[in-house]
Amino acid sequence: MSNTQDLLTKISQKTIQIKRDYPELQKYLDETRITLPQGDNSSAKVDQEALQNYLNTLDEMVTKYKSK
């Protein structure tokens, strides 16, 4: 499995975990997505760094929530 595919899988799993275990955080998922390129801009690329940053953001969100 490529690193990009691995990151996409982890993001999907983390999103499912948030929806299942922390539904009150779902409202922040749309806000965190703005870190990824959006729209139909054909020059926008989602690279591994952007995916890793997004995954880190999701992880931080859950960690901070659990610590409260």
C-alpha atoms as a PDB file:
ATOM      1  CA  MET A   1       0.000   0.000   0.000  1.00  0.00           C
ATOM      2  CA  SER A   2       1.376   3.397  -0.917  1.00  0.00           C
ATOM      3  CA  ASN A   3       2.022   5.978   1.760  1.00  0.00           C
ATOM      4  CA  THR A   4      -0.700   8.195   0.308  1.00  0.00           C
ATOM      5  CA  GLN A   5      -3.208   5.358   0.395  1.00  0.00           C
ATOM      6  CA  ASP A   6      -2.130   4.527   3.953  1.00  0.00           C
ATOM      7  CA  LEU A   7      -2.716   8.141   5.029  1.00  0.00           C
ATOM      8  CA  LEU A   8      -6.136   8.209   3.361  1.00  0.00           C
ATOM      9  CA  THR A   9      -7.066   4.991   5.162  1.00  0.00           C
ATOM     10  CA  LYS A  10      -5.951   6.417   8.513  1.00  0.00           C
ATOM     11  CA  ILE A  11      -7.897   9.632   7.894  1.00  0.00           C
ATOM     12  CA  SER A  12     -10.995   7.634   7.058  1.00  0.00           C
ATOM     13  CA  GLN A  13     -10.618   5.488  10.173  1.00  0.00           C
ATOM     14  CA  LYS A  14     -10.077   8.543  12.387  1.00  0.00           C
ATOM     15  CA  THR A  15     -13.126  10.271  10.887  1.00  0.00           C
ATOM     16  CA  ILE A  16     -15.252   7.186  11.531  1.00  0.00           C
ATOM     17  CA  GLN A  17     -13.934   7.012  15.101  1.00  0.00           C
ATOM     18  CA  ILE A  18     -14.832  10.672  15.684  1.00  0.00           C
ATOM     19  CA  LYS A  19     -18.341  10.191  14.295  1.00  0.00           C
ATOM     20  CA  ARG A  20     -18.855   7.041  16.361  1.00  0.00           C
ATOM     21  CA  ASP A  21     -17.137   7.894  19.667  1.00  0.00           C
ATOM     22  CA  TYR A  22     -17.146  11.700  19.753  1.00  0.00           C
ATOM     23  CA  PRO A  23     -20.211  12.870  17.811  1.00  0.00           C
ATOM     24  CA  GLU A  24     -19.992  16.289  19.459  1.00  0.00           C
ATOM     25  CA  LEU A  25     -16.744  16.857  17.496  1.00  0.00           C
ATOM     26  CA  GLN A  26     -18.391  16.252  14.124  1.00  0.00           C
ATOM     27  CA  LYS A  27     -19.136  19.941  13.723  1.00  0.00           C
ATOM     28  CA  TYR A  28     -15.377  20.581  13.588  1.00  0.00           C
ATOM     29  CA  LEU A  29     -14.728  18.113  10.770  1.00  0.00           C
ATOM     30  CA  ASP A  30     -15.856  20.591   8.126  1.00  0.00           C
ATOM     31  CA  GLU A  31     -13.627  23.254   9.633  1.00  0.00           C
ATOM     32  CA  THR A  32     -10.555  21.029   9.615  1.00  0.00           C
ATOM     33  CA  ARG A  33     -11.126  20.078   5.983  1.00  0.00           C
ATOM     34  CA  ILE A  34     -10.238  23.597   4.923  1.00  0.00           C
ATOM     35  CA  THR A  35      -6.609  22.592   5.352  1.00  0.00           C
ATOM     36  CA  LEU A  36      -6.974  20.519   2.162  1.00  0.00           C
ATOM     37  CA  PRO A  37      -7.249  22.045  -1.323  1.00  0.00           C
ATOM     38  CA  GLN A  38     -10.870  22.498  -2.339  1.00  0.00           C
ATOM     39  CA  GLY A  39     -13.015  23.214  -5.334  1.00  0.00           C
ATOM     40  CA  ASP A  40     -12.461  22.298  -8.928  1.00  0.00           C
ATOM     41  CA  ASN A  41      -9.070  23.967  -9.134  1.00  0.00           C
ATOM     42  CA  SER A  42      -7.229  21.541 -11.402  1.00  0.00           C
ATOM     43  CA  SER A  43      -3.856  22.804 -10.220  1.00  0.00           C
ATOM     44  CA  ALA A  44      -4.628  21.968  -6.574  1.00  0.00           C
ATOM     45  CA  LYS A  45      -2.774  18.891  -5.447  1.00  0.00           C
ATOM     46  CA  VAL A  46      -3.203  16.969  -2.230  1.00  0.00           C
ATOM     47  CA  ASP A  47       0.225  15.730  -1.345  1.00  0.00           C
ATOM     48  CA  GLN A  48       1.373  13.459   1.442  1.00  0.00           C
ATOM     49  CA  GLU A  49       2.365  16.417   3.604  1.00  0.00           C
ATOM     50  CA  ALA A  50      -1.153  17.899   3.401  1.00  0.00           C
ATOM     51  CA  LEU A  51      -2.694  14.528   4.230  1.00  0.00           C
ATOM     52  CA  GLN A  52      -0.326  14.029   7.168  1.00  0.00           C
ATOM     53  CA  ASN A  53      -1.119  17.514   8.468  1.00  0.00           C
ATOM     54  CA  TYR A  54      -4.843  16.786   8.238  1.00  0.00           C
ATOM     55  CA  LEU A  55      -4.429  13.484  10.087  1.00  0.00           C
ATOM     56  CA  ASN A  56      -2.364  15.247  12.764  1.00  0.00           C
ATOM     57  CA  THR A  57      -5.111  17.842  13.131  1.00  0.00           C
ATOM     58  CA  LEU A  58      -7.723  15.125  13.634  1.00  0.00           C
ATOM     59  CA  ASP A  59      -5.502  13.346  16.170  1.00  0.00           C
ATOM     60  CA  GLU A  60      -4.909  16.589  18.084  1.00  0.00           C
ATOM     61  CA  MET A  61      -8.619  17.359  18.138  1.00  0.00           C
ATOM     62  CA  VAL A  62      -9.428  13.992  19.728  1.00  0.00           C
ATOM     63  CA  THR A  63      -6.503  14.179  22.167  1.00  0.00           C
ATOM     64  CA  LYS A  64      -7.480  17.652  23.371  1.00  0.00           C
ATOM     65  CA  TYR A  65     -11.101  16.641  23.724  1.00  0.00           C
ATOM     66  CA  LYS A  66     -10.230  13.518  25.719  1.00  0.00           C
ATOM     67  CA  SER A  67      -8.000  15.504  28.080  1.00  0.00           C
ATOM     68  CA  LYS A  68     -10.883  17.797  29.114  1.00  0.00           C
END
